[in-house]
Amino acid sequence: MLRIVMLLVLAIITKHAFPQEPSVEHQQAVNNLIKTALNFRFDYNLLEELCQTGPRLSGYPESLQAFTWAVAKLNASDCDSVWLQPV
């Protein structure tokens, strides 16, 4: 009897432990998000702009330029809390 109860409990736990196949609606939503992310160039443009500051070794002027650039971009995008930690 104990074995049957343990098998039943194991079957219930296993059913909920492993994800089921996504529904068609969920899969379409995910595909739309991926397509939009790949076609929307805003993030790539920001990355390209950041990379143009050159190598950013800690303590070098380029590092400070990158920090200043990031703070300016975050403030321009209406982030509610932007700050630099003192080094």
C-alpha atoms as a PDB file:
ATOM      1  CA  MET A   1       0.000   0.000   0.000  1.00  0.00           C
ATOM      2  CA  LEU A   2       2.836   2.354   0.853  1.00  0.00           C
ATOM      3  CA  ARG A   3       4.431   1.699  -2.541  1.00  0.00           C
ATOM      4  CA  ILE A   4       1.243   2.638  -4.349  1.00  0.00           C
ATOM      5  CA  VAL A   5       0.949   5.875  -2.378  1.00  0.00           C
ATOM      6  CA  MET A   6       4.612   6.707  -3.028  1.00  0.00           C
ATOM      7  CA  LEU A   7       4.221   6.002  -6.763  1.00  0.00           C
ATOM      8  CA  LEU A   8       1.115   8.172  -6.896  1.00  0.00           C
ATOM      9  CA  VAL A   9       2.903  11.034  -5.116  1.00  0.00           C
ATOM     10  CA  LEU A  10       5.916  10.632  -7.407  1.00  0.00           C
ATOM     11  CA  ALA A  11       3.677  10.696 -10.486  1.00  0.00           C
ATOM     12  CA  ILE A  12       1.949  13.897  -9.326  1.00  0.00           C
ATOM     13  CA  ILE A  13       5.235  15.619  -8.508  1.00  0.00           C
ATOM     14  CA  THR A  14       6.800  14.544 -11.811  1.00  0.00           C
ATOM     15  CA  LYS A  15       3.842  15.841 -13.823  1.00  0.00           C
ATOM     16  CA  HIS A  16       4.228  19.306 -12.306  1.00  0.00           C
ATOM     17  CA  ALA A  17       8.030  19.335 -12.183  1.00  0.00           C
ATOM     18  CA  PHE A  18       8.564  19.167 -15.942  1.00  0.00           C
ATOM     19  CA  PRO A  19       7.191  21.898 -18.177  1.00  0.00           C
ATOM     20  CA  GLN A  20       4.533  21.085 -20.695  1.00  0.00           C
ATOM     21  CA  GLU A  21       4.655  22.032 -24.349  1.00  0.00           C
ATOM     22  CA  PRO A  22       3.846  25.724 -24.849  1.00  0.00           C
ATOM     23  CA  SER A  23       0.506  26.550 -26.374  1.00  0.00           C
ATOM     24  CA  VAL A  24       0.308  27.923 -29.909  1.00  0.00           C
ATOM     25  CA  GLU A  25      -0.581  31.375 -28.552  1.00  0.00           C
ATOM     26  CA  HIS A  26       2.437  31.422 -26.244  1.00  0.00           C
ATOM     27  CA  GLN A  27       4.749  30.256 -29.016  1.00  0.00           C
ATOM     28  CA  GLN A  28       3.426  32.970 -31.360  1.00  0.00           C
ATOM     29  CA  ALA A  29       3.949  35.621 -28.683  1.00  0.00           C
ATOM     30  CA  VAL A  30       7.521  34.463 -28.103  1.00  0.00           C
ATOM     31  CA  ASN A  31       8.233  34.410 -31.840  1.00  0.00           C
ATOM     32  CA  ASN A  32       6.853  37.955 -32.177  1.00  0.00           C
ATOM     33  CA  LEU A  33       9.085  39.161 -29.328  1.00  0.00           C
ATOM     34  CA  ILE A  34      12.150  37.560 -30.895  1.00  0.00           C
ATOM     35  CA  LYS A  35      11.357  38.993 -34.334  1.00  0.00           C
ATOM     36  CA  THR A  36      10.820  42.468 -32.901  1.00  0.00           C
ATOM     37  CA  ALA A  37      14.046  42.310 -30.897  1.00  0.00           C
ATOM     38  CA  LEU A  38      16.052  41.240 -33.938  1.00  0.00           C
ATOM     39  CA  ASN A  39      14.520  43.893 -36.203  1.00  0.00           C
ATOM     40  CA  PHE A  40      14.614  46.764 -33.715  1.00  0.00           C
ATOM     41  CA  ARG A  41      18.052  48.343 -34.142  1.00  0.00           C
ATOM     42  CA  PHE A  42      17.966  50.656 -31.103  1.00  0.00           C
ATOM     43  CA  ASP A  43      19.985  48.313 -28.867  1.00  0.00           C
ATOM     44  CA  TYR A  44      22.530  47.597 -31.580  1.00  0.00           C
ATOM     45  CA  ASN A  45      22.947  51.315 -32.189  1.00  0.00           C
ATOM     46  CA  LEU A  46      23.588  51.908 -28.477  1.00  0.00           C
ATOM     47  CA  LEU A  47      26.163  49.124 -28.413  1.00  0.00           C
ATOM     48  CA  GLU A  48      27.876  50.522 -31.488  1.00  0.00           C
ATOM     49  CA  GLU A  49      27.986  53.983 -29.929  1.00  0.00           C
ATOM     50  CA  LEU A  50      29.463  52.620 -26.695  1.00  0.00           C
ATOM     51  CA  CYS A  51      32.106  50.632 -28.570  1.00  0.00           C
ATOM     52  CA  GLN A  52      33.295  53.801 -30.309  1.00  0.00           C
ATOM     53  CA  THR A  53      34.717  55.107 -27.016  1.00  0.00           C
ATOM     54  CA  GLY A  54      37.612  52.675 -27.477  1.00  0.00           C
ATOM     55  CA  PRO A  55      39.224  50.362 -24.930  1.00  0.00           C
ATOM     56  CA  ARG A  56      37.882  50.987 -21.448  1.00  0.00           C
ATOM     57  CA  LEU A  57      40.491  49.815 -18.987  1.00  0.00           C
ATOM     58  CA  SER A  58      39.734  50.806 -15.421  1.00  0.00           C
ATOM     59  CA  GLY A  59      41.298  54.113 -14.464  1.00  0.00           C
ATOM     60  CA  TYR A  60      41.831  55.343 -18.017  1.00  0.00           C
ATOM     61  CA  PRO A  61      40.017  58.366 -19.518  1.00  0.00           C
ATOM     62  CA  GLU A  62      38.008  56.116 -21.872  1.00  0.00           C
ATOM     63  CA  SER A  63      36.562  54.361 -18.846  1.00  0.00           C
ATOM     64  CA  LEU A  64      35.265  57.639 -17.448  1.00  0.00           C
ATOM     65  CA  GLN A  65      33.906  58.554 -20.890  1.00  0.00           C
ATOM     66  CA  ALA A  66      31.979  55.272 -21.010  1.00  0.00           C
ATOM     67  CA  PHE A  67      30.515  55.859 -17.540  1.00  0.00           C
ATOM     68  CA  THR A  68      29.512  59.404 -18.449  1.00  0.00           C
ATOM     69  CA  TRP A  69      27.972  58.186 -21.713  1.00  0.00           C
ATOM     70  CA  ALA A  70      25.976  55.463 -19.934  1.00  0.00           C
ATOM     71  CA  VAL A  71      24.645  57.861 -17.291  1.00  0.00           C
ATOM     72  CA  ALA A  72      23.614  60.373 -19.974  1.00  0.00           C
ATOM     73  CA  LYS A  73      21.834  57.681 -22.022  1.00  0.00           C
ATOM     74  CA  LEU A  74      20.020  56.283 -18.985  1.00  0.00           C
ATOM     75  CA  ASN A  75      18.935  59.760 -17.861  1.00  0.00           C
ATOM     76  CA  ALA A  76      17.751  60.556 -21.398  1.00  0.00           C
ATOM     77  CA  SER A  77      15.627  57.390 -21.427  1.00  0.00           C
ATOM     78  CA  ASP A  78      13.766  58.508 -18.267  1.00  0.00           C
ATOM     79  CA  CYS A  79      15.206  55.944 -15.872  1.00  0.00           C
ATOM     80  CA  ASP A  80      14.095  56.841 -12.367  1.00  0.00           C
ATOM     81  CA  SER A  81      17.398  56.190 -10.519  1.00  0.00           C
ATOM     82  CA  VAL A  82      20.754  56.665 -12.187  1.00  0.00           C
ATOM     83  CA  TRP A  83      23.981  57.174 -10.254  1.00  0.00           C
ATOM     84  CA  LEU A  84      27.645  56.269 -10.244  1.00  0.00           C
ATOM     85  CA  GLN A  85      29.177  54.574  -7.260  1.00  0.00           C
ATOM     86  CA  PRO A  86      32.272  56.278  -5.897  1.00  0.00           C
ATOM     87  CA  VAL A  87      35.506  54.463  -6.718  1.00  0.00           C
END
